[in-house]
Amino acid sequence: HSYHGAIADLLDARAEAGRMPLLVALHSFTPTLVSAPADRPWEIGYL
């Protein structure tokens, strides 16, 4: 809640200032899928 509240507050402030940012969400993934073992060759994935 604190993390997503901070994001919402920042985006609200940008909107009030008339600025429309590009939202970028960064994550990571394991090199091998654990639930059904298989290698993941992608180095970066856009979702």
ModelCIF file with pLDDT and N, C-alpha, C, O atoms, coordinates in Angstrom:
data_MODEL
#
_entry.id   MODEL 
#
_entity.id                         1 
_entity.type                       polymer 
_entity.pdbx_number_of_molecules   1 
#
_entity_poly.entity_id                      1 
_entity_poly.type                           'polypeptide(L)' 
_entity_poly.nstd_linkage                   no 
_entity_poly.nstd_monomer                   no 
_entity_poly.pdbx_seq_one_letter_code       HSYHGAIADLLDARAEAGRMPLLVALHSFTPTLVSAPADRPWEIGYL 
_entity_poly.pdbx_seq_one_letter_code_can   HSYHGAIADLLDARAEAGRMPLLVALHSFTPTLVSAPADRPWEIGYL 
_entity_poly.pdbx_strand_id                 A 
#
loop_
_entity_poly_seq.entity_id 
_entity_poly_seq.num 
_entity_poly_seq.mon_id 
_entity_poly_seq.hetero 
1 1  HIS n 
1 2  SER n 
1 3  TYR n 
1 4  HIS n 
1 5  GLY n 
1 6  ALA n 
1 7  ILE n 
1 8  ALA n 
1 9  ASP n 
1 10 LEU n 
1 11 LEU n 
1 12 ASP n 
1 13 ALA n 
1 14 ARG n 
1 15 ALA n 
1 16 GLU n 
1 17 ALA n 
1 18 GLY n 
1 19 ARG n 
1 20 MET n 
1 21 PRO n 
1 22 LEU n 
1 23 LEU n 
1 24 VAL n 
1 25 ALA n 
1 26 LEU n 
1 27 HIS n 
1 28 SER n 
1 29 PHE n 
1 30 THR n 
1 31 PRO n 
1 32 THR n 
1 33 LEU n 
1 34 VAL n 
1 35 SER n 
1 36 ALA n 
1 37 PRO n 
1 38 ALA n 
1 39 ASP n 
1 40 ARG n 
1 41 PRO n 
1 42 TRP n 
1 43 GLU n 
1 44 ILE n 
1 45 GLY n 
1 46 TYR n 
1 47 LEU n 
#
_struct_asym.id          A 
_struct_asym.entity_id   1 
#
loop_
_ma_qa_metric.id 
_ma_qa_metric.mode 
_ma_qa_metric.name 
_ma_qa_metric.software_group_id 
_ma_qa_metric.type 
1 global pLDDT . pLDDT 
2 local  pLDDT . pLDDT 
#
_ma_qa_metric_global.metric_id      1 
_ma_qa_metric_global.metric_value   90.51 
_ma_qa_metric_global.model_id       1 
_ma_qa_metric_global.ordinal_id     1 
#
loop_
_ma_qa_metric_local.label_asym_id 
_ma_qa_metric_local.label_comp_id 
_ma_qa_metric_local.label_seq_id 
_ma_qa_metric_local.metric_id 
_ma_qa_metric_local.metric_value 
_ma_qa_metric_local.model_id 
_ma_qa_metric_local.ordinal_id 
A HIS 1  2 93.00 1 1  
A SER 2  2 93.00 1 2  
A TYR 3  2 94.00 1 3  
A HIS 4  2 95.00 1 4  
A GLY 5  2 96.00 1 5  
A ALA 6  2 96.00 1 6  
A ILE 7  2 96.00 1 7  
A ALA 8  2 97.00 1 8  
A ASP 9  2 97.00 1 9  
A LEU 10 2 96.00 1 10 
A LEU 11 2 96.00 1 11 
A ASP 12 2 96.00 1 12 
A ALA 13 2 96.00 1 13 
A ARG 14 2 95.00 1 14 
A ALA 15 2 94.00 1 15 
A GLU 16 2 95.00 1 16 
A ALA 17 2 96.00 1 17 
A GLY 18 2 94.00 1 18 
A ARG 19 2 91.00 1 19 
A MET 20 2 89.00 1 20 
A PRO 21 2 91.00 1 21 
A LEU 22 2 92.00 1 22 
A LEU 23 2 93.00 1 23 
A VAL 24 2 93.00 1 24 
A ALA 25 2 91.00 1 25 
A LEU 26 2 92.00 1 26 
A HIS 27 2 90.00 1 27 
A SER 28 2 92.00 1 28 
A PHE 29 2 90.00 1 29 
A THR 30 2 90.00 1 30 
A PRO 31 2 91.00 1 31 
A THR 32 2 88.00 1 32 
A LEU 33 2 81.00 1 33 
A VAL 34 2 77.00 1 34 
A SER 35 2 76.00 1 35 
A ALA 36 2 72.00 1 36 
A PRO 37 2 73.00 1 37 
A ALA 38 2 78.00 1 38 
A ASP 39 2 84.00 1 39 
A ARG 40 2 86.00 1 40 
A PRO 41 2 89.00 1 41 
A TRP 42 2 91.00 1 42 
A GLU 43 2 95.00 1 43 
A ILE 44 2 94.00 1 44 
A GLY 45 2 91.00 1 45 
A TYR 46 2 91.00 1 46 
A LEU 47 2 88.00 1 47 
#
loop_
_atom_site.group_PDB 
_atom_site.id 
_atom_site.type_symbol 
_atom_site.label_atom_id 
_atom_site.label_alt_id 
_atom_site.label_comp_id 
_atom_site.label_asym_id 
_atom_site.label_entity_id 
_atom_site.label_seq_id 
_atom_site.pdbx_PDB_ins_code 
_atom_site.Cartn_x 
_atom_site.Cartn_y 
_atom_site.Cartn_z 
_atom_site.occupancy 
_atom_site.B_iso_or_equiv 
_atom_site.pdbx_formal_charge 
_atom_site.auth_seq_id 
_atom_site.auth_comp_id 
_atom_site.auth_asym_id 
_atom_site.auth_atom_id 
_atom_site.pdbx_PDB_model_num 
ATOM 1   N N  . HIS A 1 1  ? 0.819  -1.218  0.000   1.00 93.00 ? 1  HIS A N  1 
ATOM 2   C CA . HIS A 1 1  ? 0.000  0.000   0.000   1.00 93.00 ? 1  HIS A CA 1 
ATOM 3   C C  . HIS A 1 1  ? 0.851  1.266   0.000   1.00 93.00 ? 1  HIS A C  1 
ATOM 4   O O  . HIS A 1 1  ? 0.519  2.232   -0.687  1.00 93.00 ? 1  HIS A O  1 
ATOM 5   N N  . SER A 1 2  ? 1.933  1.273   0.754   1.00 93.00 ? 2  SER A N  1 
ATOM 6   C CA . SER A 1 2  ? 2.779  2.480   0.780   1.00 93.00 ? 2  SER A CA 1 
ATOM 7   C C  . SER A 1 2  ? 3.471  2.697   -0.572  1.00 93.00 ? 2  SER A C  1 
ATOM 8   O O  . SER A 1 2  ? 3.593  3.834   -1.028  1.00 93.00 ? 2  SER A O  1 
ATOM 9   N N  . TYR A 1 3  ? 3.920  1.625   -1.206  1.00 94.00 ? 3  TYR A N  1 
ATOM 10  C CA . TYR A 1 3  ? 4.578  1.717   -2.507  1.00 94.00 ? 3  TYR A CA 1 
ATOM 11  C C  . TYR A 1 3  ? 3.614  2.253   -3.558  1.00 94.00 ? 3  TYR A C  1 
ATOM 12  O O  . TYR A 1 3  ? 3.928  3.216   -4.258  1.00 94.00 ? 3  TYR A O  1 
ATOM 13  N N  . HIS A 1 4  ? 2.445  1.634   -3.670  1.00 95.00 ? 4  HIS A N  1 
ATOM 14  C CA . HIS A 1 4  ? 1.496  2.059   -4.693  1.00 95.00 ? 4  HIS A CA 1 
ATOM 15  C C  . HIS A 1 4  ? 0.859  3.403   -4.353  1.00 95.00 ? 4  HIS A C  1 
ATOM 16  O O  . HIS A 1 4  ? 0.461  4.143   -5.252  1.00 95.00 ? 4  HIS A O  1 
ATOM 17  N N  . GLY A 1 5  ? 0.761  3.720   -3.075  1.00 96.00 ? 5  GLY A N  1 
ATOM 18  C CA . GLY A 1 5  ? 0.294  5.053   -2.688  1.00 96.00 ? 5  GLY A CA 1 
ATOM 19  C C  . GLY A 1 5  ? 1.265  6.126   -3.136  1.00 96.00 ? 5  GLY A C  1 
ATOM 20  O O  . GLY A 1 5  ? 0.850  7.187   -3.603  1.00 96.00 ? 5  GLY A O  1 
ATOM 21  N N  . ALA A 1 6  ? 2.557  5.857   -2.997  1.00 96.00 ? 6  ALA A N  1 
ATOM 22  C CA . ALA A 1 6  ? 3.576  6.823   -3.446  1.00 96.00 ? 6  ALA A CA 1 
ATOM 23  C C  . ALA A 1 6  ? 3.528  7.017   -4.961  1.00 96.00 ? 6  ALA A C  1 
ATOM 24  O O  . ALA A 1 6  ? 3.663  8.141   -5.445  1.00 96.00 ? 6  ALA A O  1 
ATOM 25  N N  . ILE A 1 7  ? 3.338  5.937   -5.706  1.00 96.00 ? 7  ILE A N  1 
ATOM 26  C CA . ILE A 1 7  ? 3.215  6.061   -7.161  1.00 96.00 ? 7  ILE A CA 1 
ATOM 27  C C  . ILE A 1 7  ? 1.993  6.900   -7.512  1.00 96.00 ? 7  ILE A C  1 
ATOM 28  O O  . ILE A 1 7  ? 2.080  7.809   -8.337  1.00 96.00 ? 7  ILE A O  1 
ATOM 29  N N  . ALA A 1 8  ? 0.851  6.599   -6.889  1.00 97.00 ? 8  ALA A N  1 
ATOM 30  C CA . ALA A 1 8  ? -0.384 7.343   -7.165  1.00 97.00 ? 8  ALA A CA 1 
ATOM 31  C C  . ALA A 1 8  ? -0.215 8.825   -6.833  1.00 97.00 ? 8  ALA A C  1 
ATOM 32  O O  . ALA A 1 8  ? -0.653 9.685   -7.598  1.00 97.00 ? 8  ALA A O  1 
ATOM 33  N N  . ASP A 1 9  ? 0.413  9.125   -5.705  1.00 97.00 ? 9  ASP A N  1 
ATOM 34  C CA . ASP A 1 9  ? 0.627  10.528  -5.325  1.00 97.00 ? 9  ASP A CA 1 
ATOM 35  C C  . ASP A 1 9  ? 1.487  11.255  -6.343  1.00 97.00 ? 9  ASP A C  1 
ATOM 36  O O  . ASP A 1 9  ? 1.182  12.388  -6.716  1.00 97.00 ? 9  ASP A O  1 
ATOM 37  N N  . LEU A 1 10 ? 2.556  10.620  -6.798  1.00 96.00 ? 10 LEU A N  1 
ATOM 38  C CA . LEU A 1 10 ? 3.445  11.230  -7.782  1.00 96.00 ? 10 LEU A CA 1 
ATOM 39  C C  . LEU A 1 10 ? 2.710  11.470  -9.102  1.00 96.00 ? 10 LEU A C  1 
ATOM 40  O O  . LEU A 1 10 ? 2.822  12.544  -9.694  1.00 96.00 ? 10 LEU A O  1 
ATOM 41  N N  . LEU A 1 11 ? 1.963  10.470  -9.558  1.00 96.00 ? 11 LEU A N  1 
ATOM 42  C CA . LEU A 1 11 ? 1.234  10.622  -10.810 1.00 96.00 ? 11 LEU A CA 1 
ATOM 43  C C  . LEU A 1 11 ? 0.113  11.658  -10.691 1.00 96.00 ? 11 LEU A C  1 
ATOM 44  O O  . LEU A 1 11 ? -0.162 12.386  -11.645 1.00 96.00 ? 11 LEU A O  1 
ATOM 45  N N  . ASP A 1 12 ? -0.529 11.724  -9.529  1.00 96.00 ? 12 ASP A N  1 
ATOM 46  C CA . ASP A 1 12 ? -1.546 12.764  -9.302  1.00 96.00 ? 12 ASP A CA 1 
ATOM 47  C C  . ASP A 1 12 ? -0.918 14.146  -9.404  1.00 96.00 ? 12 ASP A C  1 
ATOM 48  O O  . ASP A 1 12 ? -1.485 15.044  -10.025 1.00 96.00 ? 12 ASP A O  1 
ATOM 49  N N  . ALA A 1 13 ? 0.251  14.320  -8.797  1.00 96.00 ? 13 ALA A N  1 
ATOM 50  C CA . ALA A 1 13 ? 0.939  15.617  -8.849  1.00 96.00 ? 13 ALA A CA 1 
ATOM 51  C C  . ALA A 1 13 ? 1.323  15.979  -10.274 1.00 96.00 ? 13 ALA A C  1 
ATOM 52  O O  . ALA A 1 13 ? 1.196  17.135  -10.677 1.00 96.00 ? 13 ALA A O  1 
ATOM 53  N N  . ARG A 1 14 ? 1.793  14.999  -11.039 1.00 95.00 ? 14 ARG A N  1 
ATOM 54  C CA . ARG A 1 14 ? 2.146  15.260  -12.439 1.00 95.00 ? 14 ARG A CA 1 
ATOM 55  C C  . ARG A 1 14 ? 0.904  15.667  -13.232 1.00 95.00 ? 14 ARG A C  1 
ATOM 56  O O  . ARG A 1 14 ? 0.955  16.596  -14.038 1.00 95.00 ? 14 ARG A O  1 
ATOM 57  N N  . ALA A 1 15 ? -0.210 14.970  -13.003 1.00 94.00 ? 15 ALA A N  1 
ATOM 58  C CA . ALA A 1 15 ? -1.450 15.276  -13.721 1.00 94.00 ? 15 ALA A CA 1 
ATOM 59  C C  . ALA A 1 15 ? -1.937 16.683  -13.372 1.00 94.00 ? 15 ALA A C  1 
ATOM 60  O O  . ALA A 1 15 ? -2.371 17.424  -14.254 1.00 94.00 ? 15 ALA A O  1 
ATOM 61  N N  . GLU A 1 16 ? -1.869 17.053  -12.104 1.00 95.00 ? 16 GLU A N  1 
ATOM 62  C CA . GLU A 1 16 ? -2.295 18.390  -11.690 1.00 95.00 ? 16 GLU A CA 1 
ATOM 63  C C  . GLU A 1 16 ? -1.429 19.466  -12.334 1.00 95.00 ? 16 GLU A C  1 
ATOM 64  O O  . GLU A 1 16 ? -1.891 20.580  -12.578 1.00 95.00 ? 16 GLU A O  1 
ATOM 65  N N  . ALA A 1 17 ? -0.170 19.127  -12.609 1.00 96.00 ? 17 ALA A N  1 
ATOM 66  C CA . ALA A 1 17 ? 0.741  20.074  -13.253 1.00 96.00 ? 17 ALA A CA 1 
ATOM 67  C C  . ALA A 1 17 ? 0.619  20.024  -14.779 1.00 96.00 ? 17 ALA A C  1 
ATOM 68  O O  . ALA A 1 17 ? 1.335  20.736  -15.483 1.00 96.00 ? 17 ALA A O  1 
ATOM 69  N N  . GLY A 1 18 ? -0.287 19.185  -15.288 1.00 94.00 ? 18 GLY A N  1 
ATOM 70  C CA . GLY A 1 18 ? -0.482 19.093  -16.734 1.00 94.00 ? 18 GLY A CA 1 
ATOM 71  C C  . GLY A 1 18 ? 0.570  18.270  -17.445 1.00 94.00 ? 18 GLY A C  1 
ATOM 72  O O  . GLY A 1 18 ? 0.748  18.408  -18.655 1.00 94.00 ? 18 GLY A O  1 
ATOM 73  N N  . ARG A 1 19 ? 1.273  17.413  -16.715 1.00 91.00 ? 19 ARG A N  1 
ATOM 74  C CA . ARG A 1 19 ? 2.322  16.587  -17.306 1.00 91.00 ? 19 ARG A CA 1 
ATOM 75  C C  . ARG A 1 19 ? 1.838  15.146  -17.395 1.00 91.00 ? 19 ARG A C  1 
ATOM 76  O O  . ARG A 1 19 ? 1.322  14.597  -16.421 1.00 91.00 ? 19 ARG A O  1 
ATOM 77  N N  . MET A 1 20 ? 2.003  14.542  -18.547 1.00 89.00 ? 20 MET A N  1 
ATOM 78  C CA . MET A 1 20 ? 1.618  13.148  -18.769 1.00 89.00 ? 20 MET A CA 1 
ATOM 79  C C  . MET A 1 20 ? 2.884  12.316  -18.935 1.00 89.00 ? 20 MET A C  1 
ATOM 80  O O  . MET A 1 20 ? 3.441  12.251  -20.031 1.00 89.00 ? 20 MET A O  1 
ATOM 81  N N  . PRO A 1 21 ? 3.339  11.690  -17.876 1.00 91.00 ? 21 PRO A N  1 
ATOM 82  C CA . PRO A 1 21 ? 4.589  10.926  -17.961 1.00 91.00 ? 21 PRO A CA 1 
ATOM 83  C C  . PRO A 1 21 ? 4.415  9.597   -18.682 1.00 91.00 ? 21 PRO A C  1 
ATOM 84  O O  . PRO A 1 21 ? 3.300  9.129   -18.914 1.00 91.00 ? 21 PRO A O  1 
ATOM 85  N N  . LEU A 1 22 ? 5.533  9.015   -19.023 1.00 92.00 ? 22 LEU A N  1 
ATOM 86  C CA . LEU A 1 22 ? 5.590  7.635   -19.479 1.00 92.00 ? 22 LEU A CA 1 
ATOM 87  C C  . LEU A 1 22 ? 5.833  6.797   -18.229 1.00 92.00 ? 22 LEU A C  1 
ATOM 88  O O  . LEU A 1 22 ? 6.831  6.996   -17.537 1.00 92.00 ? 22 LEU A O  1 
ATOM 89  N N  . LEU A 1 23 ? 4.937  5.868   -17.935 1.00 93.00 ? 23 LEU A N  1 
ATOM 90  C CA . LEU A 1 23 ? 5.088  4.999   -16.775 1.00 93.00 ? 23 LEU A CA 1 
ATOM 91  C C  . LEU A 1 23 ? 5.925  3.790   -17.186 1.00 93.00 ? 23 LEU A C  1 
ATOM 92  O O  . LEU A 1 23 ? 5.594  3.102   -18.151 1.00 93.00 ? 23 LEU A O  1 
ATOM 93  N N  . VAL A 1 24 ? 7.004  3.532   -16.458 1.00 93.00 ? 24 VAL A N  1 
ATOM 94  C CA . VAL A 1 24 ? 7.872  2.395   -16.738 1.00 93.00 ? 24 VAL A CA 1 
ATOM 95  C C  . VAL A 1 24 ? 7.895  1.491   -15.507 1.00 93.00 ? 24 VAL A C  1 
ATOM 96  O O  . VAL A 1 24 ? 8.285  1.917   -14.420 1.00 93.00 ? 24 VAL A O  1 
ATOM 97  N N  . ALA A 1 25 ? 7.480  0.255   -15.688 1.00 91.00 ? 25 ALA A N  1 
ATOM 98  C CA . ALA A 1 25 ? 7.510  -0.741  -14.617 1.00 91.00 ? 25 ALA A CA 1 
ATOM 99  C C  . ALA A 1 25 ? 8.619  -1.734  -14.934 1.00 91.00 ? 25 ALA A C  1 
ATOM 100 O O  . ALA A 1 25 ? 8.620  -2.355  -15.997 1.00 91.00 ? 25 ALA A O  1 
ATOM 101 N N  . LEU A 1 26 ? 9.562  -1.884  -14.010 1.00 92.00 ? 26 LEU A N  1 
ATOM 102 C CA . LEU A 1 26 ? 10.707 -2.772  -14.197 1.00 92.00 ? 26 LEU A CA 1 
ATOM 103 C C  . LEU A 1 26 ? 10.604 -3.975  -13.266 1.00 92.00 ? 26 LEU A C  1 
ATOM 104 O O  . LEU A 1 26 ? 10.281 -3.841  -12.085 1.00 92.00 ? 26 LEU A O  1 
ATOM 105 N N  . HIS A 1 27 ? 10.879 -5.128  -13.809 1.00 90.00 ? 27 HIS A N  1 
ATOM 106 C CA . HIS A 1 27 ? 10.829 -6.373  -13.045 1.00 90.00 ? 27 HIS A CA 1 
ATOM 107 C C  . HIS A 1 27 ? 11.993 -7.251  -13.509 1.00 90.00 ? 27 HIS A C  1 
ATOM 108 O O  . HIS A 1 27 ? 12.800 -6.856  -14.350 1.00 90.00 ? 27 HIS A O  1 
ATOM 109 N N  . SER A 1 28 ? 12.051 -8.444  -12.939 1.00 92.00 ? 28 SER A N  1 
ATOM 110 C CA . SER A 1 28 ? 13.038 -9.427  -13.386 1.00 92.00 ? 28 SER A CA 1 
ATOM 111 C C  . SER A 1 28 ? 12.356 -10.788 -13.462 1.00 92.00 ? 28 SER A C  1 
ATOM 112 O O  . SER A 1 28 ? 11.292 -11.005 -12.883 1.00 92.00 ? 28 SER A O  1 
ATOM 113 N N  . PHE A 1 29 ? 12.998 -11.697 -14.189 1.00 90.00 ? 29 PHE A N  1 
ATOM 114 C CA . PHE A 1 29 ? 12.470 -13.056 -14.301 1.00 90.00 ? 29 PHE A CA 1 
ATOM 115 C C  . PHE A 1 29 ? 13.612 -14.046 -14.181 1.00 90.00 ? 29 PHE A C  1 
ATOM 116 O O  . PHE A 1 29 ? 14.767 -13.731 -14.471 1.00 90.00 ? 29 PHE A O  1 
ATOM 117 N N  . THR A 1 30 ? 13.265 -15.254 -13.744 1.00 90.00 ? 30 THR A N  1 
ATOM 118 C CA . THR A 1 30 ? 14.269 -16.298 -13.555 1.00 90.00 ? 30 THR A CA 1 
ATOM 119 C C  . THR A 1 30 ? 14.703 -16.873 -14.904 1.00 90.00 ? 30 THR A C  1 
ATOM 120 O O  . THR A 1 30 ? 13.904 -16.915 -15.839 1.00 90.00 ? 30 THR A O  1 
ATOM 121 N N  . PRO A 1 31 ? 15.937 -17.308 -15.015 1.00 91.00 ? 31 PRO A N  1 
ATOM 122 C CA . PRO A 1 31 ? 16.422 -17.866 -16.277 1.00 91.00 ? 31 PRO A CA 1 
ATOM 123 C C  . PRO A 1 31 ? 15.769 -19.206 -16.632 1.00 91.00 ? 31 PRO A C  1 
ATOM 124 O O  . PRO A 1 31 ? 15.791 -19.618 -17.792 1.00 91.00 ? 31 PRO A O  1 
ATOM 125 N N  . THR A 1 32 ? 15.195 -19.879 -15.650 1.00 88.00 ? 32 THR A N  1 
ATOM 126 C CA . THR A 1 32 ? 14.514 -21.150 -15.879 1.00 88.00 ? 32 THR A CA 1 
ATOM 127 C C  . THR A 1 32 ? 13.152 -21.096 -15.205 1.00 88.00 ? 32 THR A C  1 
ATOM 128 O O  . THR A 1 32 ? 13.040 -20.710 -14.042 1.00 88.00 ? 32 THR A O  1 
ATOM 129 N N  . LEU A 1 33 ? 12.128 -21.483 -15.938 1.00 81.00 ? 33 LEU A N  1 
ATOM 130 C CA . LEU A 1 33 ? 10.784 -21.537 -15.377 1.00 81.00 ? 33 LEU A CA 1 
ATOM 131 C C  . LEU A 1 33 ? 10.736 -22.667 -14.364 1.00 81.00 ? 33 LEU A C  1 
ATOM 132 O O  . LEU A 1 33 ? 11.060 -23.808 -14.692 1.00 81.00 ? 33 LEU A O  1 
ATOM 133 N N  . VAL A 1 34 ? 10.339 -22.363 -13.146 1.00 77.00 ? 34 VAL A N  1 
ATOM 134 C CA . VAL A 1 34 ? 10.376 -23.348 -12.069 1.00 77.00 ? 34 VAL A CA 1 
ATOM 135 C C  . VAL A 1 34 ? 9.193  -24.315 -12.150 1.00 77.00 ? 34 VAL A C  1 
ATOM 136 O O  . VAL A 1 34 ? 9.365  -25.514 -11.930 1.00 77.00 ? 34 VAL A O  1 
ATOM 137 N N  . SER A 1 35 ? 8.005  -23.814 -12.459 1.00 76.00 ? 35 SER A N  1 
ATOM 138 C CA . SER A 1 35 ? 6.814  -24.669 -12.428 1.00 76.00 ? 35 SER A CA 1 
ATOM 139 C C  . SER A 1 35 ? 6.834  -25.762 -13.493 1.00 76.00 ? 35 SER A C  1 
ATOM 140 O O  . SER A 1 35 ? 6.301  -26.849 -13.270 1.00 76.00 ? 35 SER A O  1 
ATOM 141 N N  . ALA A 1 36 ? 7.432  -25.492 -14.628 1.00 72.00 ? 36 ALA A N  1 
ATOM 142 C CA . ALA A 1 36 ? 7.576  -26.493 -15.691 1.00 72.00 ? 36 ALA A CA 1 
ATOM 143 C C  . ALA A 1 36 ? 8.946  -26.251 -16.301 1.00 72.00 ? 36 ALA A C  1 
ATOM 144 O O  . ALA A 1 36 ? 9.067  -25.528 -17.290 1.00 72.00 ? 36 ALA A O  1 
ATOM 145 N N  . PRO A 1 37 ? 9.985  -26.854 -15.717 1.00 73.00 ? 37 PRO A N  1 
ATOM 146 C CA . PRO A 1 37 ? 11.356 -26.491 -16.079 1.00 73.00 ? 37 PRO A CA 1 
ATOM 147 C C  . PRO A 1 37 ? 11.609 -26.340 -17.576 1.00 73.00 ? 37 PRO A C  1 
ATOM 148 O O  . PRO A 1 37 ? 11.476 -27.283 -18.357 1.00 73.00 ? 37 PRO A O  1 
ATOM 149 N N  . ALA A 1 38 ? 11.970 -25.143 -17.934 1.00 78.00 ? 38 ALA A N  1 
ATOM 150 C CA . ALA A 1 38 ? 12.318 -24.808 -19.313 1.00 78.00 ? 38 ALA A CA 1 
ATOM 151 C C  . ALA A 1 38 ? 13.191 -23.566 -19.283 1.00 78.00 ? 38 ALA A C  1 
ATOM 152 O O  . ALA A 1 38 ? 12.929 -22.632 -18.525 1.00 78.00 ? 38 ALA A O  1 
ATOM 153 N N  . ASP A 1 39 ? 14.229 -23.557 -20.106 1.00 84.00 ? 39 ASP A N  1 
ATOM 154 C CA . ASP A 1 39 ? 15.103 -22.388 -20.172 1.00 84.00 ? 39 ASP A CA 1 
ATOM 155 C C  . ASP A 1 39 ? 14.369 -21.216 -20.797 1.00 84.00 ? 39 ASP A C  1 
ATOM 156 O O  . ASP A 1 39 ? 13.518 -21.386 -21.670 1.00 84.00 ? 39 ASP A O  1 
ATOM 157 N N  . ARG A 1 40 ? 14.715 -20.027 -20.334 1.00 86.00 ? 40 ARG A N  1 
ATOM 158 C CA . ARG A 1 40 ? 14.167 -18.785 -20.869 1.00 86.00 ? 40 ARG A CA 1 
ATOM 159 C C  . ARG A 1 40 ? 15.316 -18.028 -21.512 1.00 86.00 ? 40 ARG A C  1 
ATOM 160 O O  . ARG A 1 40 ? 16.102 -17.406 -20.797 1.00 86.00 ? 40 ARG A O  1 
ATOM 161 N N  . PRO A 1 41 ? 15.443 -18.056 -22.822 1.00 89.00 ? 41 PRO A N  1 
ATOM 162 C CA . PRO A 1 41 ? 16.596 -17.454 -23.477 1.00 89.00 ? 41 PRO A CA 1 
ATOM 163 C C  . PRO A 1 41 ? 16.553 -15.929 -23.560 1.00 89.00 ? 41 PRO A C  1 
ATOM 164 O O  . PRO A 1 41 ? 17.575 -15.302 -23.837 1.00 89.00 ? 41 PRO A O  1 
ATOM 165 N N  . TRP A 1 42 ? 15.400 -15.331 -23.328 1.00 91.00 ? 42 TRP A N  1 
ATOM 166 C CA . TRP A 1 42 ? 15.278 -13.877 -23.469 1.00 91.00 ? 42 TRP A CA 1 
ATOM 167 C C  . TRP A 1 42 ? 16.116 -13.189 -22.415 1.00 91.00 ? 42 TRP A C  1 
ATOM 168 O O  . TRP A 1 42 ? 16.126 -13.595 -21.252 1.00 91.00 ? 42 TRP A O  1 
ATOM 169 N N  . GLU A 1 43 ? 16.814 -12.158 -22.819 1.00 95.00 ? 43 GLU A N  1 
ATOM 170 C CA . GLU A 1 43 ? 17.604 -11.389 -21.871 1.00 95.00 ? 43 GLU A CA 1 
ATOM 171 C C  . GLU A 1 43 ? 16.787 -10.233 -21.307 1.00 95.00 ? 43 GLU A C  1 
ATOM 172 O O  . GLU A 1 43 ? 16.988 -9.798  -20.173 1.00 95.00 ? 43 GLU A O  1 
ATOM 173 N N  . ILE A 1 44 ? 15.868 -9.753  -22.122 1.00 94.00 ? 44 ILE A N  1 
ATOM 174 C CA . ILE A 1 44 ? 14.962 -8.688  -21.715 1.00 94.00 ? 44 ILE A CA 1 
ATOM 175 C C  . ILE A 1 44 ? 13.612 -8.985  -22.374 1.00 94.00 ? 44 ILE A C  1 
ATOM 176 O O  . ILE A 1 44 ? 13.553 -9.399  -23.531 1.00 94.00 ? 44 ILE A O  1 
ATOM 177 N N  . GLY A 1 45 ? 12.556 -8.771  -21.637 1.00 91.00 ? 45 GLY A N  1 
ATOM 178 C CA . GLY A 1 45 ? 11.229 -9.009  -22.181 1.00 91.00 ? 45 GLY A CA 1 
ATOM 179 C C  . GLY A 1 45 ? 10.357 -7.781  -22.024 1.00 91.00 ? 45 GLY A C  1 
ATOM 180 O O  . GLY A 1 45 ? 10.247 -7.228  -20.929 1.00 91.00 ? 45 GLY A O  1 
ATOM 181 N N  . TYR A 1 46 ? 9.739  -7.354  -23.106 1.00 91.00 ? 46 TYR A N  1 
ATOM 182 C CA . TYR A 1 46 ? 8.770  -6.263  -23.084 1.00 91.00 ? 46 TYR A CA 1 
ATOM 183 C C  . TYR A 1 46 ? 7.379  -6.877  -22.988 1.00 91.00 ? 46 TYR A C  1 
ATOM 184 O O  . TYR A 1 46 ? 7.042  -7.775  -23.759 1.00 91.00 ? 46 TYR A O  1 
ATOM 185 N N  . LEU A 1 47 ? 6.577  -6.401  -22.054 1.00 88.00 ? 47 LEU A N  1 
ATOM 186 C CA . LEU A 1 47 ? 5.258  -6.971  -21.791 1.00 88.00 ? 47 LEU A CA 1 
ATOM 187 C C  . LEU A 1 47 ? 4.172  -5.924  -21.990 1.00 88.00 ? 47 LEU A C  1 
ATOM 188 O O  . LEU A 1 47 ? 2.990  -6.220  -21.814 1.00 88.00 ? 47 LEU A O  1 
#
